[in-house]
Amino acid sequence: GDAGGPEQKMVEQETTREIRQAVWRLSEKYRQVVILHYSADLKTKDIAKCLRISEGTVKTRLRKARELLKKELEDKLYG
């Protein structure tokens, strides 16, 4: 069945849009790893190879990007 119905769908679309906008507001070094990880579904080592940076740097940037996104989205959605 359709859990939640049309309202749920609208909320999800709105949330997705907020997330996408927040991602685009990240600085490029964070945006790159987020897009490669979540949209292109690449593993950390593939992202590292792709961007010519270490895996550790990829992990650090992903973690930092998630913190920045979480903070921005919490402010937006609950602030």
PDB file of N, CA and C in Angstrom:
ATOM      1  N   GLY A   1       0.817  -1.209   0.000  1.00  0.00           N
ATOM      2  CA  GLY A   1       0.000   0.000   0.000  1.00  0.00           C
ATOM      3  C   GLY A   1       0.846   1.253   0.000  1.00  0.00           C
ATOM      4  N   ASP A   2       0.184   2.380  -0.194  1.00  0.00           N
ATOM      5  CA  ASP A   2       0.857   3.668  -0.245  1.00  0.00           C
ATOM      6  C   ASP A   2       0.902   4.275   1.154  1.00  0.00           C
ATOM      7  N   ALA A   3       2.002   4.048   1.846  1.00  0.00           N
ATOM      8  CA  ALA A   3       2.126   4.544   3.221  1.00  0.00           C
ATOM      9  C   ALA A   3       2.191   6.071   3.226  1.00  0.00           C
ATOM     10  N   GLY A   4       1.246   6.687   3.926  1.00  0.00           N
ATOM     11  CA  GLY A   4       1.318   8.136   4.097  1.00  0.00           C
ATOM     12  C   GLY A   4       0.545   8.951   3.082  1.00  0.00           C
ATOM     13  N   GLY A   5       0.348   8.396   1.887  1.00  0.00           N
ATOM     14  CA  GLY A   5      -0.435   9.106   0.895  1.00  0.00           C
ATOM     15  C   GLY A   5       0.235  10.344   0.326  1.00  0.00           C
ATOM     16  N   PRO A   6      -0.567  11.197  -0.339  1.00  0.00           N
ATOM     17  CA  PRO A   6      -0.036  12.360  -1.057  1.00  0.00           C
ATOM     18  C   PRO A   6       0.699  13.367  -0.175  1.00  0.00           C
ATOM     19  N   GLU A   7       0.204  13.570   1.054  1.00  0.00           N
ATOM     20  CA  GLU A   7       0.883  14.532   1.940  1.00  0.00           C
ATOM     21  C   GLU A   7       2.315  14.083   2.198  1.00  0.00           C
ATOM     22  N   GLN A   8       2.480  12.801   2.471  1.00  0.00           N
ATOM     23  CA  GLN A   8       3.794  12.231   2.738  1.00  0.00           C
ATOM     24  C   GLN A   8       4.718  12.455   1.538  1.00  0.00           C
ATOM     25  N   LYS A   9       4.192  12.194   0.350  1.00  0.00           N
ATOM     26  CA  LYS A   9       4.957  12.391  -0.880  1.00  0.00           C
ATOM     27  C   LYS A   9       5.423  13.844  -1.004  1.00  0.00           C
ATOM     28  N   MET A  10       4.531  14.780  -0.727  1.00  0.00           N
ATOM     29  CA  MET A  10       4.866  16.201  -0.823  1.00  0.00           C
ATOM     30  C   MET A  10       5.975  16.573   0.155  1.00  0.00           C
ATOM     31  N   VAL A  11       5.843  16.093   1.367  1.00  0.00           N
ATOM     32  CA  VAL A  11       6.858  16.356   2.392  1.00  0.00           C
ATOM     33  C   VAL A  11       8.208  15.796   1.953  1.00  0.00           C
ATOM     34  N   GLU A  12       8.202  14.570   1.417  1.00  0.00           N
ATOM     35  CA  GLU A  12       9.444  13.948   0.958  1.00  0.00           C
ATOM     36  C   GLU A  12      10.073  14.737  -0.191  1.00  0.00           C
ATOM     37  N   GLN A  13       9.252  15.177  -1.135  1.00  0.00           N
ATOM     38  CA  GLN A  13       9.771  15.964  -2.261  1.00  0.00           C
ATOM     39  C   GLN A  13      10.355  17.282  -1.769  1.00  0.00           C
ATOM     40  N   GLU A  14       9.657  17.920  -0.848  1.00  0.00           N
ATOM     41  CA  GLU A  14      10.120  19.183  -0.281  1.00  0.00           C
ATOM     42  C   GLU A  14      11.453  18.982   0.438  1.00  0.00           C
ATOM     43  N   THR A  15      11.551  17.904   1.213  1.00  0.00           N
ATOM     44  CA  THR A  15      12.774  17.601   1.944  1.00  0.00           C
ATOM     45  C   THR A  15      13.923  17.337   0.972  1.00  0.00           C
ATOM     46  N   THR A  16      13.646  16.573  -0.075  1.00  0.00           N
ATOM     47  CA  THR A  16      14.666  16.276  -1.085  1.00  0.00           C
ATOM     48  C   THR A  16      15.176  17.563  -1.720  1.00  0.00           C
ATOM     49  N   ARG A  17      14.251  18.478  -2.007  1.00  0.00           N
ATOM     50  CA  ARG A  17      14.612  19.746  -2.623  1.00  0.00           C
ATOM     51  C   ARG A  17      15.488  20.572  -1.671  1.00  0.00           C
ATOM     52  N   GLU A  18      15.118  20.588  -0.397  1.00  0.00           N
ATOM     53  CA  GLU A  18      15.907  21.297   0.607  1.00  0.00           C
ATOM     54  C   GLU A  18      17.318  20.731   0.689  1.00  0.00           C
ATOM     55  N   ILE A  19      17.404  19.403   0.675  1.00  0.00           N
ATOM     56  CA  ILE A  19      18.710  18.742   0.755  1.00  0.00           C
ATOM     57  C   ILE A  19      19.549  19.097  -0.464  1.00  0.00           C
ATOM     58  N   ARG A  20      18.929  19.022  -1.651  1.00  0.00           N
ATOM     59  CA  ARG A  20      19.648  19.333  -2.884  1.00  0.00           C
ATOM     60  C   ARG A  20      20.176  20.767  -2.854  1.00  0.00           C
ATOM     61  N   GLN A  21      19.335  21.696  -2.420  1.00  0.00           N
ATOM     62  CA  GLN A  21      19.769  23.092  -2.351  1.00  0.00           C
ATOM     63  C   GLN A  21      20.898  23.268  -1.338  1.00  0.00           C
ATOM     64  N   ALA A  22      20.778  22.585  -0.213  1.00  0.00           N
ATOM     65  CA  ALA A  22      21.816  22.673   0.814  1.00  0.00           C
ATOM     66  C   ALA A  22      23.141  22.123   0.284  1.00  0.00           C
ATOM     67  N   VAL A  23      23.074  21.033  -0.463  1.00  0.00           N
ATOM     68  CA  VAL A  23      24.284  20.442  -1.059  1.00  0.00           C
ATOM     69  C   VAL A  23      24.953  21.444  -1.998  1.00  0.00           C
ATOM     70  N   TRP A  24      24.154  22.136  -2.813  1.00  0.00           N
ATOM     71  CA  TRP A  24      24.726  23.096  -3.757  1.00  0.00           C
ATOM     72  C   TRP A  24      25.333  24.295  -3.058  1.00  0.00           C
ATOM     73  N   ARG A  25      24.911  24.554  -1.828  1.00  0.00           N
ATOM     74  CA  ARG A  25      25.501  25.667  -1.081  1.00  0.00           C
ATOM     75  C   ARG A  25      26.818  25.295  -0.402  1.00  0.00           C
ATOM     76  N   LEU A  26      27.125  24.007  -0.358  1.00  0.00           N
ATOM     77  CA  LEU A  26      28.400  23.578   0.224  1.00  0.00           C
ATOM     78  C   LEU A  26      29.551  24.099  -0.650  1.00  0.00           C
ATOM     79  N   SER A  27      30.722  24.248  -0.040  1.00  0.00           N
ATOM     80  CA  SER A  27      31.875  24.603  -0.871  1.00  0.00           C
ATOM     81  C   SER A  27      32.207  23.400  -1.756  1.00  0.00           C
ATOM     82  N   GLU A  28      32.891  23.670  -2.850  1.00  0.00           N
ATOM     83  CA  GLU A  28      33.085  22.646  -3.878  1.00  0.00           C
ATOM     84  C   GLU A  28      33.717  21.368  -3.340  1.00  0.00           C
ATOM     85  N   LYS A  29      34.711  21.503  -2.461  1.00  0.00           N
ATOM     86  CA  LYS A  29      35.402  20.293  -1.991  1.00  0.00           C
ATOM     87  C   LYS A  29      34.464  19.357  -1.223  1.00  0.00           C
ATOM     88  N   TYR A  30      33.490  19.921  -0.534  1.00  0.00           N
ATOM     89  CA  TYR A  30      32.510  19.081   0.171  1.00  0.00           C
ATOM     90  C   TYR A  30      31.431  18.592  -0.790  1.00  0.00           C
ATOM     91  N   ARG A  31      31.007  19.479  -1.673  1.00  0.00           N
ATOM     92  CA  ARG A  31      29.953  19.123  -2.623  1.00  0.00           C
ATOM     93  C   ARG A  31      30.392  17.944  -3.495  1.00  0.00           C
ATOM     94  N   GLN A  32      31.643  17.981  -3.976  1.00  0.00           N
ATOM     95  CA  GLN A  32      32.157  16.904  -4.834  1.00  0.00           C
ATOM     96  C   GLN A  32      32.016  15.536  -4.170  1.00  0.00           C
ATOM     97  N   VAL A  33      32.503  15.423  -2.935  1.00  0.00           N
ATOM     98  CA  VAL A  33      32.479  14.101  -2.291  1.00  0.00           C
ATOM     99  C   VAL A  33      31.051  13.646  -1.996  1.00  0.00           C
ATOM    100  N   VAL A  34      30.184  14.581  -1.626  1.00  0.00           N
ATOM    101  CA  VAL A  34      28.789  14.234  -1.343  1.00  0.00           C
ATOM    102  C   VAL A  34      28.103  13.708  -2.606  1.00  0.00           C
ATOM    103  N   ILE A  35      28.276  14.424  -3.708  1.00  0.00           N
ATOM    104  CA  ILE A  35      27.631  14.011  -4.956  1.00  0.00           C
ATOM    105  C   ILE A  35      28.183  12.672  -5.447  1.00  0.00           C
ATOM    106  N   LEU A  36      29.498  12.515  -5.391  1.00  0.00           N
ATOM    107  CA  LEU A  36      30.086  11.246  -5.834  1.00  0.00           C
ATOM    108  C   LEU A  36      29.651  10.083  -4.946  1.00  0.00           C
ATOM    109  N   HIS A  37      29.560  10.337  -3.651  1.00  0.00           N
ATOM    110  CA  HIS A  37      29.204   9.276  -2.714  1.00  0.00           C
ATOM    111  C   HIS A  37      27.725   8.910  -2.797  1.00  0.00           C
ATOM    112  N   TYR A  38      26.851   9.928  -2.767  1.00  0.00           N
ATOM    113  CA  TYR A  38      25.416   9.646  -2.690  1.00  0.00           C
ATOM    114  C   TYR A  38      24.730   9.530  -4.040  1.00  0.00           C
ATOM    115  N   SER A  39      25.148  10.329  -5.023  1.00  0.00           N
ATOM    116  CA  SER A  39      24.478  10.256  -6.328  1.00  0.00           C
ATOM    117  C   SER A  39      25.132   9.223  -7.238  1.00  0.00           C
ATOM    118  N   ALA A  40      26.464   9.262  -7.311  1.00  0.00           N
ATOM    119  CA  ALA A  40      27.167   8.319  -8.184  1.00  0.00           C
ATOM    120  C   ALA A  40      27.420   6.995  -7.475  1.00  0.00           C
ATOM    121  N   ASP A  41      27.138   6.965  -6.146  1.00  0.00           N
ATOM    122  CA  ASP A  41      27.242   5.733  -5.364  1.00  0.00           C
ATOM    123  C   ASP A  41      28.661   5.145  -5.383  1.00  0.00           C
ATOM    124  N   LEU A  42      29.661   6.003  -5.378  1.00  0.00           N
ATOM    125  CA  LEU A  42      31.043   5.531  -5.396  1.00  0.00           C
ATOM    126  C   LEU A  42      31.539   5.226  -3.988  1.00  0.00           C
ATOM    127  N   LYS A  43      32.439   4.270  -3.912  1.00  0.00           N
ATOM    128  CA  LYS A  43      33.094   3.935  -2.645  1.00  0.00           C
ATOM    129  C   LYS A  43      34.163   4.989  -2.347  1.00  0.00           C
ATOM    130  N   THR A  44      34.541   5.076  -1.080  1.00  0.00           N
ATOM    131  CA  THR A  44      35.547   6.046  -0.640  1.00  0.00           C
ATOM    132  C   THR A  44      36.828   5.971  -1.471  1.00  0.00           C
ATOM    133  N   LYS A  45      37.304   4.745  -1.719  1.00  0.00           N
ATOM    134  CA  LYS A  45      38.572   4.623  -2.447  1.00  0.00           C
ATOM    135  C   LYS A  45      38.441   5.072  -3.907  1.00  0.00           C
ATOM    136  N   ASP A  46      37.249   4.885  -4.492  1.00  0.00           N
ATOM    137  CA  ASP A  46      37.028   5.341  -5.869  1.00  0.00           C
ATOM    138  C   ASP A  46      36.958   6.863  -5.939  1.00  0.00           C
ATOM    139  N   ILE A  47      36.326   7.462  -4.943  1.00  0.00           N
ATOM    140  CA  ILE A  47      36.257   8.930  -4.869  1.00  0.00           C
ATOM    141  C   ILE A  47      37.672   9.489  -4.720  1.00  0.00           C
ATOM    142  N   ALA A  48      38.459   8.863  -3.858  1.00  0.00           N
ATOM    143  CA  ALA A  48      39.838   9.295  -3.635  1.00  0.00           C
ATOM    144  C   ALA A  48      40.628   9.278  -4.951  1.00  0.00           C
ATOM    145  N   LYS A  49      40.471   8.189  -5.695  1.00  0.00           N
ATOM    146  CA  LYS A  49      41.162   8.057  -6.977  1.00  0.00           C
ATOM    147  C   LYS A  49      40.683   9.127  -7.951  1.00  0.00           C
ATOM    148  N   CYS A  50      39.387   9.287  -8.014  1.00  0.00           N
ATOM    149  CA  CYS A  50      38.736  10.232  -8.912  1.00  0.00           C
ATOM    150  C   CYS A  50      39.220  11.677  -8.659  1.00  0.00           C
ATOM    151  N   LEU A  51      39.308  12.051  -7.396  1.00  0.00           N
ATOM    152  CA  LEU A  51      39.666  13.428  -7.038  1.00  0.00           C
ATOM    153  C   LEU A  51      41.157  13.593  -6.734  1.00  0.00           C
ATOM    154  N   ARG A  52      41.891  12.472  -6.809  1.00  0.00           N
ATOM    155  CA  ARG A  52      43.328  12.468  -6.499  1.00  0.00           C
ATOM    156  C   ARG A  52      43.635  13.007  -5.104  1.00  0.00           C
ATOM    157  N   ILE A  53      42.862  12.509  -4.140  1.00  0.00           N
ATOM    158  CA  ILE A  53      43.114  12.836  -2.728  1.00  0.00           C
ATOM    159  C   ILE A  53      43.108  11.519  -1.956  1.00  0.00           C
ATOM    160  N   SER A  54      43.563  11.546  -0.712  1.00  0.00           N
ATOM    161  CA  SER A  54      43.612  10.301   0.057  1.00  0.00           C
ATOM    162  C   SER A  54      42.221   9.885   0.531  1.00  0.00           C
ATOM    163  N   GLU A  55      42.074   8.597   0.825  1.00  0.00           N
ATOM    164  CA  GLU A  55      40.810   8.091   1.355  1.00  0.00           C
ATOM    165  C   GLU A  55      40.451   8.780   2.670  1.00  0.00           C
ATOM    166  N   GLY A  56      41.471   9.038   3.469  1.00  0.00           N
ATOM    167  CA  GLY A  56      41.248   9.731   4.744  1.00  0.00           C
ATOM    168  C   GLY A  56      40.634  11.101   4.532  1.00  0.00           C
ATOM    169  N   THR A  57      41.124  11.808   3.518  1.00  0.00           N
ATOM    170  CA  THR A  57      40.587  13.129   3.190  1.00  0.00           C
ATOM    171  C   THR A  57      39.135  13.022   2.741  1.00  0.00           C
ATOM    172  N   VAL A  58      38.841  12.012   1.935  1.00  0.00           N
ATOM    173  CA  VAL A  58      37.459  11.793   1.480  1.00  0.00           C
ATOM    174  C   VAL A  58      36.548  11.592   2.691  1.00  0.00           C
ATOM    175  N   LYS A  59      36.972  10.729   3.617  1.00  0.00           N
ATOM    176  CA  LYS A  59      36.158  10.442   4.796  1.00  0.00           C
ATOM    177  C   LYS A  59      35.950  11.691   5.651  1.00  0.00           C
ATOM    178  N   THR A  60      37.029  12.458   5.828  1.00  0.00           N
ATOM    179  CA  THR A  60      36.947  13.698   6.605  1.00  0.00           C
ATOM    180  C   THR A  60      35.968  14.671   5.962  1.00  0.00           C
ATOM    181  N   ARG A  61      36.086  14.827   4.651  1.00  0.00           N
ATOM    182  CA  ARG A  61      35.208  15.766   3.940  1.00  0.00           C
ATOM    183  C   ARG A  61      33.755  15.321   3.979  1.00  0.00           C
ATOM    184  N   LEU A  62      33.520  14.016   3.836  1.00  0.00           N
ATOM    185  CA  LEU A  62      32.155  13.501   3.901  1.00  0.00           C
ATOM    186  C   LEU A  62      31.552  13.764   5.276  1.00  0.00           C
ATOM    187  N   ARG A  63      32.351  13.494   6.303  1.00  0.00           N
ATOM    188  CA  ARG A  63      31.866  13.696   7.665  1.00  0.00           C
ATOM    189  C   ARG A  63      31.539  15.164   7.907  1.00  0.00           C
ATOM    190  N   LYS A  64      32.445  16.038   7.485  1.00  0.00           N
ATOM    191  CA  LYS A  64      32.247  17.477   7.656  1.00  0.00           C
ATOM    192  C   LYS A  64      31.033  17.956   6.850  1.00  0.00           C
ATOM    193  N   ALA A  65      30.918  17.475   5.632  1.00  0.00           N
ATOM    194  CA  ALA A  65      29.789  17.856   4.770  1.00  0.00           C
ATOM    195  C   ALA A  65      28.470  17.444   5.407  1.00  0.00           C
ATOM    196  N   ARG A  66      28.423  16.222   5.967  1.00  0.00           N
ATOM    197  CA  ARG A  66      27.203  15.754   6.627  1.00  0.00           C
ATOM    198  C   ARG A  66      26.854  16.627   7.826  1.00  0.00           C
ATOM    199  N   GLU A  67      27.877  17.034   8.585  1.00  0.00           N
ATOM    200  CA  GLU A  67      27.633  17.925   9.735  1.00  0.00           C
ATOM    201  C   GLU A  67      27.049  19.253   9.268  1.00  0.00           C
ATOM    202  N   LEU A  68      27.648  19.821   8.227  1.00  0.00           N
ATOM    203  CA  LEU A  68      27.178  21.104   7.696  1.00  0.00           C
ATOM    204  C   LEU A  68      25.740  20.992   7.177  1.00  0.00           C
ATOM    205  N   LEU A  69      25.459  19.911   6.456  1.00  0.00           N
ATOM    206  CA  LEU A  69      24.119  19.713   5.911  1.00  0.00           C
ATOM    207  C   LEU A  69      23.099  19.522   7.025  1.00  0.00           C
ATOM    208  N   LYS A  70      23.473  18.715   8.004  1.00  0.00           N
ATOM    209  CA  LYS A  70      22.572  18.433   9.123  1.00  0.00           C
ATOM    210  C   LYS A  70      22.213  19.725   9.846  1.00  0.00           C
ATOM    211  N   LYS A  71      23.229  20.534  10.109  1.00  0.00           N
ATOM    212  CA  LYS A  71      22.998  21.789  10.810  1.00  0.00           C
ATOM    213  C   LYS A  71      22.085  22.705   9.999  1.00  0.00           C
ATOM    214  N   GLU A  72      22.395  22.851   8.722  1.00  0.00           N
ATOM    215  CA  GLU A  72      21.586  23.730   7.880  1.00  0.00           C
ATOM    216  C   GLU A  72      20.143  23.253   7.769  1.00  0.00           C
ATOM    217  N   LEU A  73      19.985  21.935   7.586  1.00  0.00           N
ATOM    218  CA  LEU A  73      18.635  21.395   7.415  1.00  0.00           C
ATOM    219  C   LEU A  73      17.850  21.430   8.714  1.00  0.00           C
ATOM    220  N   GLU A  74      18.507  21.218   9.829  1.00  0.00           N
ATOM    221  CA  GLU A  74      17.813  21.321  11.117  1.00  0.00           C
ATOM    222  C   GLU A  74      17.337  22.753  11.339  1.00  0.00           C
ATOM    223  N   ASP A  75      18.192  23.716  11.025  1.00  0.00           N
ATOM    224  CA  ASP A  75      17.811  25.126  11.156  1.00  0.00           C
ATOM    225  C   ASP A  75      16.597  25.423  10.278  1.00  0.00           C
ATOM    226  N   LYS A  76      16.639  24.895   9.053  1.00  0.00           N
ATOM    227  CA  LYS A  76      15.560  25.146   8.092  1.00  0.00           C
ATOM    228  C   LYS A  76      14.260  24.472   8.498  1.00  0.00           C
ATOM    229  N   LEU A  77      14.364  23.176   8.828  1.00  0.00           N
ATOM    230  CA  LEU A  77      13.163  22.390   9.050  1.00  0.00           C
ATOM    231  C   LEU A  77      12.593  22.554  10.460  1.00  0.00           C
ATOM    232  N   TYR A  78      13.466  22.802  11.426  1.00  0.00           N
ATOM    233  CA  TYR A  78      12.971  22.865  12.811  1.00  0.00           C
ATOM    234  C   TYR A  78      13.230  24.207  13.487  1.00  0.00           C
ATOM    235  N   GLY A  79      13.988  25.101  12.783  1.00  0.00           N
ATOM    236  CA  GLY A  79      14.446  26.333  13.396  1.00  0.00           C
ATOM    237  C   GLY A  79      13.427  27.361  13.627  1.00  0.00           C
TER     238      GLY A  79
END
